[in-house]
């Protein structure tokens, strides 16, 4: 005879119930666990997958008995210190709808800060006296970490050997791009010092630029 599959078996709850608490973890291996369930209870079959994403890094994790899954050795050592949402995503199957949850957070801290590189790039290869140009200062870090914040201090060595302070500025998206004009003839060297933060190491860069008569 025919029988109807209970409705709760046909769909997955729109929530992934996570048995985790928000904690501060050092930059090292760590372990998490969670369970997928619907009313009844009913669980997705073992050996289906859940995608776990932290800071743009994703891993597929097998579902075990009663919808439970766990993972360890997650490669978070490249993440900068800070708070990240942990996103769990279940694709669904013939009996269960897809589901996603990203309410759990992970705070990364206690490890060493990430190294950075500072690059200075003039918008012209050689300037003409009185010409406007832009000096782009970029501070980079190894992905998937977000672009560094913090401040850059800018100075300039003039043709006569004197040093001119050009101020300091907070980075926006890892970049500061001040404009300059009115420089006289000669060879100049610009120095950019990124001061670093608790999450990002300080770094330095420089660029030479020669100004000529028109």
N, C-alpha and C. Protein backbone atom coordinates (compact mmCIF):
# COMPACT_ATOMS: atom_id res chain seq x y z
N UNK A 1 0.83 -1.18 0.00
CA UNK A 1 0.00 0.00 0.00
C UNK A 1 0.88 1.24 0.00
N UNK A 2 0.25 2.36 -0.37
CA UNK A 2 1.00 3.60 -0.43
C UNK A 2 1.05 4.23 0.96
N UNK A 3 2.17 4.92 1.23
CA UNK A 3 2.18 5.76 2.43
C UNK A 3 2.94 7.02 2.11
N UNK A 4 2.53 8.09 2.78
CA UNK A 4 3.15 9.39 2.53
C UNK A 4 4.34 9.58 3.46
N UNK A 5 5.44 10.06 2.86
CA UNK A 5 6.60 10.41 3.69
C UNK A 5 6.25 11.67 4.48
N UNK A 6 6.45 11.65 5.80
CA UNK A 6 6.11 12.84 6.60
C UNK A 6 6.78 14.09 6.04
N UNK A 7 6.02 15.18 6.12
CA UNK A 7 6.51 16.43 5.54
C UNK A 7 7.85 16.85 6.11
N UNK A 8 8.04 16.61 7.44
CA UNK A 8 9.29 17.06 8.04
C UNK A 8 10.49 16.29 7.52
N UNK A 9 10.25 15.11 6.94
CA UNK A 9 11.35 14.36 6.35
C UNK A 9 11.69 14.92 4.97
N UNK A 10 10.75 15.62 4.34
CA UNK A 10 10.95 16.13 3.00
C UNK A 10 11.75 17.43 2.98
N UNK A 11 11.93 18.02 4.07
CA UNK A 11 12.63 19.30 4.07
C UNK A 11 13.59 19.37 5.25
N UNK A 12 14.60 20.11 5.06
CA UNK A 12 15.56 20.32 6.14
C UNK A 12 15.20 21.61 6.86
N UNK A 13 15.33 21.61 8.15
CA UNK A 13 15.10 22.84 8.91
C UNK A 13 15.93 23.96 8.32
N UNK A 14 15.42 25.17 8.39
CA UNK A 14 16.17 26.28 7.82
C UNK A 14 17.29 26.73 8.76
N UNK A 15 17.54 25.95 9.78
CA UNK A 15 18.60 26.29 10.72
C UNK A 15 19.54 25.11 10.86
N UNK A 16 20.80 25.41 10.88
CA UNK A 16 21.78 24.40 11.27
C UNK A 16 22.10 24.67 12.73
N UNK A 17 21.77 23.73 13.59
CA UNK A 17 21.96 23.93 15.02
C UNK A 17 23.42 23.66 15.36
N UNK A 18 24.09 24.65 15.82
CA UNK A 18 25.51 24.51 16.09
C UNK A 18 25.76 24.42 17.59
N UNK A 19 26.53 23.42 17.97
CA UNK A 19 26.88 23.24 19.37
C UNK A 19 28.28 23.79 19.58
N UNK A 20 28.39 25.09 19.46
CA UNK A 20 29.66 25.78 19.59
C UNK A 20 29.44 27.07 20.34
N UNK A 21 30.43 27.56 21.00
CA UNK A 21 30.34 28.88 21.60
C UNK A 21 31.45 29.73 20.99
N UNK A 22 31.23 31.03 20.95
CA UNK A 22 32.23 31.94 20.41
C UNK A 22 33.40 32.01 21.37
N UNK A 23 34.60 31.81 20.87
CA UNK A 23 35.79 31.85 21.70
C UNK A 23 36.91 32.53 20.95
N UNK A 24 37.94 32.89 21.70
CA UNK A 24 39.15 33.43 21.08
C UNK A 24 40.13 32.29 20.91
N UNK A 25 40.58 32.06 19.70
CA UNK A 25 41.51 30.99 19.40
C UNK A 25 42.83 31.56 18.94
N UNK A 26 43.94 30.94 19.30
CA UNK A 26 45.23 31.34 18.72
C UNK A 26 45.30 30.88 17.27
N UNK A 27 46.30 31.36 16.55
CA UNK A 27 46.47 30.96 15.15
C UNK A 27 47.07 29.56 15.12
N UNK A 28 46.23 28.58 15.30
CA UNK A 28 46.70 27.20 15.30
C UNK A 28 45.53 26.31 14.92
N UNK A 29 45.76 24.99 14.90
CA UNK A 29 44.68 24.08 14.54
C UNK A 29 43.58 24.13 15.59
N UNK A 30 42.35 23.93 15.13
CA UNK A 30 41.25 23.97 16.06
C UNK A 30 40.15 23.02 15.62
N UNK A 31 39.21 22.73 16.49
CA UNK A 31 38.19 21.73 16.24
C UNK A 31 36.81 22.34 16.45
N UNK A 32 35.89 22.08 15.55
CA UNK A 32 34.52 22.54 15.69
C UNK A 32 33.60 21.35 15.42
N UNK A 33 32.36 21.46 15.88
CA UNK A 33 31.39 20.43 15.55
C UNK A 33 30.00 21.01 15.48
N UNK A 34 29.10 20.37 14.76
CA UNK A 34 27.73 20.85 14.65
C UNK A 34 26.83 19.71 14.21
N UNK A 35 25.53 19.94 14.23
CA UNK A 35 24.55 18.92 13.85
C UNK A 35 23.49 19.53 12.95
N UNK A 36 23.11 18.78 11.91
CA UNK A 36 21.98 19.13 11.06
C UNK A 36 20.78 18.31 11.52
N UNK A 37 19.63 18.95 11.69
CA UNK A 37 18.48 18.17 12.11
C UNK A 37 17.18 18.82 11.65
N UNK A 38 16.13 18.00 11.57
CA UNK A 38 14.78 18.50 11.32
C UNK A 38 13.88 17.97 12.42
N UNK A 39 12.65 18.51 12.45
CA UNK A 39 11.74 18.04 13.47
C UNK A 39 11.43 16.57 13.31
N UNK A 40 11.39 15.88 14.40
CA UNK A 40 11.04 14.45 14.27
C UNK A 40 11.67 13.56 15.31
N UNK A 41 13.02 13.48 15.46
CA UNK A 41 14.03 14.11 14.59
C UNK A 41 14.31 13.25 13.36
N UNK A 42 14.85 13.87 12.34
CA UNK A 42 15.31 13.15 11.16
C UNK A 42 16.60 13.81 10.72
N UNK A 43 17.49 13.04 10.12
CA UNK A 43 18.82 13.55 9.79
C UNK A 43 19.18 13.23 8.35
N UNK A 44 19.96 14.08 7.71
CA UNK A 44 20.48 13.74 6.37
C UNK A 44 21.33 12.48 6.45
N UNK A 45 21.43 11.74 5.35
CA UNK A 45 22.23 10.51 5.37
C UNK A 45 23.69 10.78 5.69
N UNK A 46 24.30 9.81 6.36
CA UNK A 46 25.73 9.90 6.62
C UNK A 46 26.49 9.91 5.30
N UNK A 47 27.63 10.55 5.32
CA UNK A 47 28.56 10.67 4.18
C UNK A 47 28.13 11.72 3.16
N UNK A 48 26.99 12.40 3.35
CA UNK A 48 26.77 13.62 2.58
C UNK A 48 27.67 14.71 3.16
N UNK A 49 27.75 15.84 2.46
CA UNK A 49 28.74 16.84 2.84
C UNK A 49 28.12 18.15 3.33
N UNK A 50 28.84 18.81 4.20
CA UNK A 50 28.57 20.18 4.59
C UNK A 50 29.79 21.00 4.22
N UNK A 51 29.57 22.17 3.60
CA UNK A 51 30.67 23.07 3.29
C UNK A 51 30.86 24.04 4.46
N UNK A 52 32.09 24.14 4.96
CA UNK A 52 32.41 25.04 6.07
C UNK A 52 33.34 26.12 5.54
N UNK A 53 32.98 27.39 5.74
CA UNK A 53 33.77 28.51 5.22
C UNK A 53 34.11 29.47 6.35
N UNK A 54 35.41 29.81 6.48
CA UNK A 54 35.88 30.81 7.43
C UNK A 54 36.83 31.73 6.69
N UNK A 55 36.52 33.01 6.67
CA UNK A 55 37.42 33.98 6.06
C UNK A 55 37.75 33.69 4.61
N UNK A 56 36.80 33.17 3.85
CA UNK A 56 37.02 32.87 2.44
C UNK A 56 37.65 31.51 2.18
N UNK A 57 38.01 30.77 3.22
CA UNK A 57 38.58 29.43 3.08
C UNK A 57 37.46 28.42 3.28
N UNK A 58 37.26 27.51 2.33
CA UNK A 58 36.17 26.54 2.41
C UNK A 58 36.71 25.11 2.41
N UNK A 59 36.04 24.25 3.18
CA UNK A 59 36.37 22.83 3.22
C UNK A 59 35.07 22.03 3.24
N UNK A 60 35.08 20.87 2.58
CA UNK A 60 33.95 19.95 2.61
C UNK A 60 34.14 18.96 3.76
N UNK A 61 33.07 18.77 4.55
CA UNK A 61 33.13 17.91 5.73
C UNK A 61 32.03 16.87 5.61
N UNK A 62 32.36 15.61 5.89
CA UNK A 62 31.37 14.54 5.83
C UNK A 62 30.42 14.60 7.02
N UNK A 63 29.13 14.36 6.75
CA UNK A 63 28.15 14.24 7.81
C UNK A 63 28.24 12.82 8.37
N UNK A 64 28.23 12.71 9.69
CA UNK A 64 28.31 11.41 10.33
C UNK A 64 26.95 10.96 10.83
N UNK A 65 26.96 10.13 11.85
CA UNK A 65 25.74 9.62 12.42
C UNK A 65 24.89 10.71 13.04
N UNK A 66 23.56 10.60 12.90
CA UNK A 66 22.59 11.54 13.45
C UNK A 66 22.89 12.99 13.05
N UNK A 67 23.40 13.18 11.84
CA UNK A 67 23.60 14.52 11.30
C UNK A 67 24.78 15.28 11.85
N UNK A 68 25.58 14.65 12.69
CA UNK A 68 26.71 15.37 13.31
C UNK A 68 27.89 15.44 12.35
N UNK A 69 28.62 16.51 12.44
CA UNK A 69 29.87 16.62 11.69
C UNK A 69 30.87 17.43 12.50
N UNK A 70 32.14 17.23 12.22
CA UNK A 70 33.19 17.98 12.90
C UNK A 70 34.36 18.11 11.95
N UNK A 71 35.25 19.03 12.26
CA UNK A 71 36.43 19.21 11.42
C UNK A 71 37.57 19.73 12.27
N UNK A 72 38.78 19.38 11.87
CA UNK A 72 39.96 19.87 12.57
C UNK A 72 41.03 20.22 11.56
N UNK A 73 42.13 20.76 12.05
CA UNK A 73 43.24 21.18 11.19
C UNK A 73 42.79 22.14 10.10
N UNK A 74 41.80 22.98 10.42
CA UNK A 74 41.34 23.96 9.44
C UNK A 74 42.43 25.00 9.23
N UNK A 75 42.78 25.34 7.96
CA UNK A 75 43.95 26.21 7.70
C UNK A 75 43.68 27.69 7.94
N UNK A 76 43.51 28.05 9.19
CA UNK A 76 43.23 29.44 9.52
C UNK A 76 44.49 30.22 9.88
N UNK A 77 45.66 29.60 9.70
CA UNK A 77 46.89 30.29 10.10
C UNK A 77 47.18 31.50 9.23
N UNK A 78 46.52 31.64 8.07
CA UNK A 78 46.73 32.82 7.23
C UNK A 78 45.74 33.94 7.52
N UNK A 79 44.81 33.71 8.44
CA UNK A 79 43.83 34.73 8.76
C UNK A 79 44.41 35.76 9.72
N UNK A 80 44.13 37.02 9.45
CA UNK A 80 44.53 38.07 10.38
C UNK A 80 43.67 37.98 11.63
N UNK A 81 44.17 38.54 12.72
CA UNK A 81 43.40 38.57 13.93
C UNK A 81 42.10 39.34 13.73
N UNK A 82 41.05 38.91 14.36
CA UNK A 82 39.76 39.56 14.21
C UNK A 82 38.63 38.55 14.29
N UNK A 83 37.41 39.01 14.06
CA UNK A 83 36.23 38.16 14.16
C UNK A 83 35.76 37.74 12.78
N UNK A 84 35.46 36.46 12.61
CA UNK A 84 35.01 35.90 11.34
C UNK A 84 33.71 35.12 11.56
N UNK A 85 32.78 35.25 10.60
CA UNK A 85 31.61 34.38 10.60
C UNK A 85 32.01 33.02 10.07
N UNK A 86 31.49 31.97 10.72
CA UNK A 86 31.68 30.61 10.22
C UNK A 86 30.40 30.22 9.50
N UNK A 87 30.50 29.95 8.20
CA UNK A 87 29.33 29.64 7.40
C UNK A 87 29.27 28.14 7.12
N UNK A 88 28.15 27.52 7.51
CA UNK A 88 27.90 26.12 7.21
C UNK A 88 26.86 26.06 6.10
N UNK A 89 27.12 25.30 5.05
CA UNK A 89 26.19 25.23 3.93
C UNK A 89 25.96 23.77 3.54
N UNK A 90 24.68 23.39 3.54
CA UNK A 90 24.29 22.03 3.15
C UNK A 90 23.52 22.12 1.83
N UNK A 91 23.96 21.37 0.81
CA UNK A 91 23.39 21.50 -0.54
C UNK A 91 22.03 20.84 -0.68
N UNK A 92 21.68 19.92 0.22
CA UNK A 92 20.41 19.22 0.12
C UNK A 92 20.49 17.99 -0.77
N UNK A 93 19.39 17.24 -0.82
CA UNK A 93 19.30 16.07 -1.68
C UNK A 93 17.83 15.85 -2.05
N UNK A 94 17.47 14.65 -2.49
CA UNK A 94 16.10 14.40 -2.92
C UNK A 94 15.09 14.55 -1.79
N UNK A 95 15.52 14.32 -0.55
CA UNK A 95 14.60 14.36 0.57
C UNK A 95 14.72 15.61 1.42
N UNK A 96 15.86 16.32 1.32
CA UNK A 96 16.10 17.46 2.19
C UNK A 96 16.47 18.69 1.38
N UNK A 97 15.86 19.80 1.72
CA UNK A 97 16.21 21.06 1.07
C UNK A 97 17.56 21.55 1.55
N UNK A 98 18.13 22.48 0.79
CA UNK A 98 19.41 23.09 1.18
C UNK A 98 19.21 23.96 2.42
N UNK A 99 20.30 24.18 3.14
CA UNK A 99 20.26 25.04 4.33
C UNK A 99 21.61 25.68 4.53
N UNK A 100 21.59 26.85 5.17
CA UNK A 100 22.83 27.55 5.46
C UNK A 100 22.70 28.29 6.78
N UNK A 101 23.80 28.38 7.50
CA UNK A 101 23.81 29.10 8.75
C UNK A 101 25.16 29.78 8.91
N UNK A 102 25.16 31.05 9.33
CA UNK A 102 26.42 31.77 9.53
C UNK A 102 26.37 32.62 10.79
N UNK A 103 25.64 32.13 11.81
CA UNK A 103 25.49 32.91 13.03
C UNK A 103 26.63 32.68 14.02
N UNK A 104 27.42 31.63 13.81
CA UNK A 104 28.53 31.36 14.71
C UNK A 104 29.74 32.17 14.28
N UNK A 105 30.47 32.69 15.24
CA UNK A 105 31.66 33.48 14.93
C UNK A 105 32.90 32.87 15.54
N UNK A 106 34.01 33.16 14.92
CA UNK A 106 35.32 32.74 15.43
C UNK A 106 36.18 33.98 15.55
N UNK A 107 36.74 34.21 16.72
CA UNK A 107 37.66 35.32 16.91
C UNK A 107 39.08 34.78 16.92
N UNK A 108 39.88 35.23 15.96
CA UNK A 108 41.26 34.79 15.84
C UNK A 108 42.16 35.78 16.56
N UNK A 109 42.98 35.28 17.42
CA UNK A 109 43.90 36.15 18.14
C UNK A 109 44.94 35.32 18.84
N UNK A 110 45.88 35.97 19.46
CA UNK A 110 46.88 35.27 20.24
C UNK A 110 48.04 34.74 19.45
N UNK A 111 48.02 34.88 18.14
CA UNK A 111 49.13 34.41 17.33
C UNK A 111 49.97 35.58 16.87
N UNK A 112 50.98 35.29 16.08
CA UNK A 112 51.84 36.36 15.57
C UNK A 112 51.12 37.11 14.46
N UNK A 113 51.45 38.41 14.30
CA UNK A 113 50.83 39.22 13.26
C UNK A 113 51.35 38.80 11.89
N UNK A 114 50.61 39.18 10.86
CA UNK A 114 50.94 38.77 9.49
C UNK A 114 51.93 39.73 8.86
N UNK A 115 52.89 39.22 8.08
CA UNK A 115 53.85 40.10 7.40
C UNK A 115 53.19 40.88 6.28
N UNK A 116 53.70 42.07 6.01
CA UNK A 116 53.18 42.92 4.95
C UNK A 116 54.31 43.37 4.03
N UNK A 117 53.94 43.87 2.86
CA UNK A 117 54.88 44.52 1.96
C UNK A 117 54.32 45.88 1.57
N UNK A 118 55.18 46.89 1.54
CA UNK A 118 54.77 48.24 1.18
C UNK A 118 55.42 48.63 -0.14
N UNK A 119 54.61 49.08 -1.09
CA UNK A 119 55.07 49.44 -2.43
C UNK A 119 54.66 50.87 -2.75
N UNK A 120 55.60 51.67 -3.27
CA UNK A 120 55.32 53.04 -3.70
C UNK A 120 55.44 53.10 -5.22
N UNK A 121 54.41 53.63 -5.89
CA UNK A 121 54.38 53.66 -7.34
C UNK A 121 53.96 55.05 -7.83
N UNK A 122 54.88 55.85 -8.40
CA UNK A 122 54.49 57.15 -8.98
C UNK A 122 53.67 56.94 -10.25
N UNK A 123 52.78 57.87 -10.54
CA UNK A 123 51.95 57.76 -11.73
C UNK A 123 52.71 58.14 -13.01
N UNK A 124 53.92 58.67 -12.86
CA UNK A 124 54.76 59.01 -14.02
C UNK A 124 56.15 58.41 -13.79
N UNK A 125 56.83 58.06 -14.88
CA UNK A 125 58.19 57.53 -14.76
C UNK A 125 59.20 58.64 -14.50
N UNK A 126 58.94 59.82 -15.02
CA UNK A 126 59.76 61.01 -14.77
C UNK A 126 58.83 62.21 -14.82
N UNK A 127 58.97 63.12 -13.87
CA UNK A 127 58.06 64.25 -13.83
C UNK A 127 58.70 65.48 -14.48
N UNK A 128 57.85 66.38 -14.89
CA UNK A 128 58.26 67.69 -15.41
C UNK A 128 58.03 68.71 -14.31
N UNK A 129 58.96 69.63 -14.14
CA UNK A 129 58.84 70.65 -13.09
C UNK A 129 57.46 71.29 -13.11
N UNK A 130 56.79 71.26 -11.97
CA UNK A 130 55.46 71.83 -11.87
C UNK A 130 54.34 70.89 -12.25
N UNK A 131 54.67 69.71 -12.75
CA UNK A 131 53.64 68.75 -13.19
C UNK A 131 52.98 68.06 -11.99
N UNK A 132 51.68 67.83 -12.09
CA UNK A 132 50.97 67.06 -11.07
C UNK A 132 51.22 65.57 -11.28
N UNK A 133 51.32 64.82 -10.19
CA UNK A 133 51.40 63.36 -10.28
C UNK A 133 50.88 62.77 -8.98
N UNK A 134 50.58 61.49 -9.03
CA UNK A 134 50.05 60.77 -7.87
C UNK A 134 51.05 59.70 -7.46
N UNK A 135 51.25 59.58 -6.17
CA UNK A 135 52.10 58.53 -5.63
C UNK A 135 51.21 57.53 -4.90
N UNK A 136 51.08 56.33 -5.45
CA UNK A 136 50.22 55.31 -4.84
C UNK A 136 51.03 54.45 -3.88
N UNK A 137 50.61 54.43 -2.64
CA UNK A 137 51.27 53.63 -1.60
C UNK A 137 50.35 52.47 -1.27
N UNK A 138 50.81 51.25 -1.53
CA UNK A 138 50.00 50.05 -1.32
C UNK A 138 50.66 49.16 -0.28
N UNK A 139 49.88 48.73 0.68
CA UNK A 139 50.35 47.78 1.69
C UNK A 139 49.58 46.48 1.48
N UNK A 140 50.31 45.40 1.25
CA UNK A 140 49.69 44.12 0.89
C UNK A 140 50.02 43.06 1.93
N UNK A 141 49.14 42.06 1.99
CA UNK A 141 49.33 40.92 2.87
C UNK A 141 48.89 39.68 2.09
N UNK A 142 49.36 38.52 2.48
CA UNK A 142 49.03 37.29 1.76
C UNK A 142 47.53 37.01 1.89
N UNK A 143 46.79 36.79 0.75
CA UNK A 143 45.38 36.44 0.82
C UNK A 143 45.22 35.12 1.58
N UNK A 144 44.05 34.85 2.19
CA UNK A 144 42.80 35.59 2.03
C UNK A 144 42.58 36.67 3.08
N UNK A 145 43.61 37.04 3.82
CA UNK A 145 43.45 38.09 4.83
C UNK A 145 42.97 39.38 4.17
N UNK A 146 42.16 40.14 4.88
CA UNK A 146 41.66 41.40 4.36
C UNK A 146 42.80 42.41 4.26
N UNK A 147 42.66 43.45 3.40
CA UNK A 147 43.72 44.45 3.26
C UNK A 147 44.05 45.10 4.60
N UNK A 148 45.31 45.41 4.84
CA UNK A 148 45.71 46.00 6.11
C UNK A 148 45.08 47.37 6.34
N UNK A 149 44.85 47.69 7.61
CA UNK A 149 44.47 49.04 7.98
C UNK A 149 45.67 49.68 8.68
N UNK A 150 45.46 50.74 9.42
CA UNK A 150 46.59 51.40 10.06
C UNK A 150 47.10 52.56 9.22
N UNK A 151 48.23 53.15 9.64
CA UNK A 151 48.73 54.36 9.02
C UNK A 151 50.08 54.17 8.32
N UNK A 152 50.29 55.02 7.29
CA UNK A 152 51.57 55.10 6.60
C UNK A 152 52.15 56.50 6.84
N UNK A 153 53.44 56.54 7.17
CA UNK A 153 54.17 57.79 7.31
C UNK A 153 55.01 57.99 6.04
N UNK A 154 54.89 59.16 5.41
CA UNK A 154 55.56 59.41 4.14
C UNK A 154 56.60 60.53 4.29
N UNK A 155 57.80 60.29 3.81
CA UNK A 155 58.86 61.30 3.78
C UNK A 155 59.50 61.32 2.40
N UNK A 156 60.27 62.38 2.14
CA UNK A 156 60.92 62.53 0.83
C UNK A 156 62.34 63.05 1.02
N UNK A 157 63.27 62.39 0.36
CA UNK A 157 64.64 62.89 0.31
C UNK A 157 64.78 63.76 -0.92
N UNK A 158 65.19 65.00 -0.73
CA UNK A 158 65.28 65.97 -1.81
C UNK A 158 66.65 65.91 -2.50
N UNK A 159 66.78 66.55 -3.68
CA UNK A 159 68.06 66.52 -4.40
C UNK A 159 69.25 67.03 -3.59
N UNK A 160 69.01 67.96 -2.64
CA UNK A 160 70.12 68.49 -1.84
C UNK A 160 70.41 67.66 -0.59
N UNK A 161 69.71 66.52 -0.45
CA UNK A 161 69.96 65.63 0.68
C UNK A 161 69.09 65.88 1.89
N UNK A 162 68.34 66.94 1.91
CA UNK A 162 67.45 67.20 3.04
C UNK A 162 66.23 66.28 2.99
N UNK A 163 65.59 66.12 4.14
CA UNK A 163 64.42 65.25 4.25
C UNK A 163 63.19 66.11 4.53
N UNK A 164 62.13 65.88 3.77
CA UNK A 164 60.86 66.58 3.96
C UNK A 164 59.80 65.61 4.44
N UNK A 165 59.13 65.96 5.53
CA UNK A 165 58.02 65.15 6.01
C UNK A 165 56.77 65.47 5.19
N UNK A 166 56.12 64.44 4.70
CA UNK A 166 54.92 64.62 3.87
C UNK A 166 53.66 64.16 4.58
N UNK A 167 53.77 63.91 5.88
CA UNK A 167 52.59 63.57 6.67
C UNK A 167 52.33 62.08 6.78
N UNK A 168 51.21 61.75 7.37
CA UNK A 168 50.80 60.36 7.51
C UNK A 168 49.30 60.26 7.31
N UNK A 169 48.85 59.06 6.93
CA UNK A 169 47.45 58.89 6.57
C UNK A 169 47.02 57.45 6.83
N UNK A 170 45.74 57.29 7.24
CA UNK A 170 45.19 55.95 7.38
C UNK A 170 44.93 55.34 6.00
N UNK A 171 45.21 54.06 5.89
CA UNK A 171 44.96 53.34 4.64
C UNK A 171 43.47 53.10 4.46
N UNK A 172 43.04 53.10 3.21
CA UNK A 172 41.68 52.70 2.84
C UNK A 172 41.81 51.55 1.85
N UNK A 173 41.40 50.37 2.26
CA UNK A 173 41.59 49.21 1.40
C UNK A 173 43.05 48.90 1.14
N UNK A 174 43.91 49.25 2.10
CA UNK A 174 45.34 48.98 1.97
C UNK A 174 46.09 49.99 1.11
N UNK A 175 45.44 51.13 0.77
CA UNK A 175 46.04 52.08 -0.19
C UNK A 175 45.93 53.51 0.33
N UNK A 176 46.97 54.32 0.03
CA UNK A 176 46.94 55.78 0.18
C UNK A 176 47.56 56.35 -1.09
N UNK A 177 46.89 57.31 -1.72
CA UNK A 177 47.36 57.83 -3.00
C UNK A 177 47.37 59.36 -2.98
N UNK A 178 48.36 59.99 -2.33
CA UNK A 178 48.43 61.45 -2.31
C UNK A 178 48.89 62.03 -3.65
N UNK A 179 48.48 63.26 -3.92
CA UNK A 179 48.88 63.96 -5.15
C UNK A 179 49.95 65.00 -4.83
N UNK A 180 50.87 65.23 -5.79
CA UNK A 180 51.97 66.18 -5.61
C UNK A 180 52.10 67.05 -6.86
N UNK A 181 52.68 68.25 -6.66
CA UNK A 181 53.03 69.12 -7.78
C UNK A 181 54.07 70.13 -7.32
N UNK A 182 54.57 70.90 -8.26
CA UNK A 182 55.46 72.00 -7.94
C UNK A 182 56.87 71.61 -7.55
N UNK A 183 57.29 70.37 -7.81
CA UNK A 183 58.65 69.95 -7.46
C UNK A 183 59.65 70.50 -8.47
N UNK A 184 60.78 70.95 -7.97
CA UNK A 184 61.83 71.48 -8.84
C UNK A 184 62.64 70.34 -9.44
N UNK A 185 63.59 70.68 -10.31
CA UNK A 185 64.38 69.64 -10.98
C UNK A 185 65.27 68.91 -9.99
N UNK A 186 65.55 67.64 -10.32
CA UNK A 186 66.44 66.83 -9.50
C UNK A 186 65.86 65.46 -9.22
N UNK A 187 66.63 64.68 -8.49
CA UNK A 187 66.23 63.31 -8.18
C UNK A 187 65.71 63.26 -6.74
N UNK A 188 64.54 62.66 -6.59
CA UNK A 188 63.89 62.55 -5.30
C UNK A 188 63.70 61.07 -4.94
N UNK A 189 63.71 60.78 -3.65
CA UNK A 189 63.37 59.45 -3.16
C UNK A 189 62.26 59.57 -2.13
N UNK A 190 61.17 58.85 -2.36
CA UNK A 190 60.05 58.82 -1.43
C UNK A 190 60.16 57.57 -0.56
N UNK A 191 59.91 57.72 0.73
CA UNK A 191 59.96 56.61 1.68
C UNK A 191 58.60 56.47 2.35
N UNK A 192 58.04 55.29 2.29
CA UNK A 192 56.78 55.01 2.97
C UNK A 192 56.99 54.00 4.08
N UNK A 193 56.60 54.36 5.28
CA UNK A 193 56.71 53.44 6.43
C UNK A 193 55.32 53.10 6.93
N UNK A 194 54.93 51.83 6.75
CA UNK A 194 53.67 51.35 7.30
C UNK A 194 53.90 50.98 8.76
N UNK A 195 53.15 51.59 9.66
CA UNK A 195 53.41 51.43 11.08
C UNK A 195 52.96 50.11 11.66
N UNK A 196 52.10 49.40 10.93
CA UNK A 196 51.62 48.11 11.42
C UNK A 196 50.51 48.27 12.45
N UNK A 197 49.88 47.14 12.79
CA UNK A 197 48.83 47.08 13.81
C UNK A 197 49.04 45.80 14.60
N UNK A 198 48.10 45.49 15.48
CA UNK A 198 48.19 44.24 16.23
C UNK A 198 48.10 43.03 15.31
N UNK A 199 47.43 43.19 14.15
CA UNK A 199 47.25 42.07 13.22
C UNK A 199 48.28 42.03 12.10
N UNK A 200 48.89 43.20 11.78
CA UNK A 200 49.77 43.29 10.61
C UNK A 200 51.13 43.89 11.00
N UNK A 201 52.18 43.28 10.50
CA UNK A 201 53.53 43.74 10.79
C UNK A 201 53.86 45.00 10.01
N UNK A 202 54.72 45.84 10.58
CA UNK A 202 55.19 47.04 9.90
C UNK A 202 56.06 46.66 8.70
N UNK A 203 56.11 47.56 7.72
CA UNK A 203 56.98 47.34 6.56
C UNK A 203 57.31 48.68 5.92
N UNK A 204 58.32 48.67 5.04
CA UNK A 204 58.80 49.90 4.42
C UNK A 204 58.93 49.72 2.91
N UNK A 205 58.76 50.82 2.19
CA UNK A 205 58.97 50.82 0.75
C UNK A 205 59.50 52.17 0.31
N UNK A 206 60.05 52.21 -0.89
CA UNK A 206 60.55 53.48 -1.40
C UNK A 206 60.46 53.50 -2.92
N UNK A 207 60.52 54.71 -3.47
CA UNK A 207 60.48 54.88 -4.92
C UNK A 207 61.26 56.14 -5.28
N UNK A 208 62.03 56.06 -6.37
CA UNK A 208 62.79 57.20 -6.87
C UNK A 208 62.02 57.88 -8.00
N UNK A 209 62.17 59.19 -8.10
CA UNK A 209 61.54 59.93 -9.17
C UNK A 209 62.41 61.14 -9.52
N UNK A 210 62.68 61.31 -10.81
CA UNK A 210 63.48 62.45 -11.29
C UNK A 210 62.57 63.45 -11.98
N UNK A 211 62.73 64.72 -11.59
CA UNK A 211 61.98 65.80 -12.24
C UNK A 211 62.91 66.61 -13.16
N UNK A 212 62.44 66.89 -14.35
CA UNK A 212 63.21 67.60 -15.36
C UNK A 212 62.55 68.91 -15.75
N UNK A 213 63.31 69.79 -16.38
CA UNK A 213 62.74 71.03 -16.92
C UNK A 213 61.79 70.69 -18.06
N UNK A 214 60.75 71.46 -18.27
CA UNK A 214 59.85 71.21 -19.40
C UNK A 214 60.53 71.42 -20.74
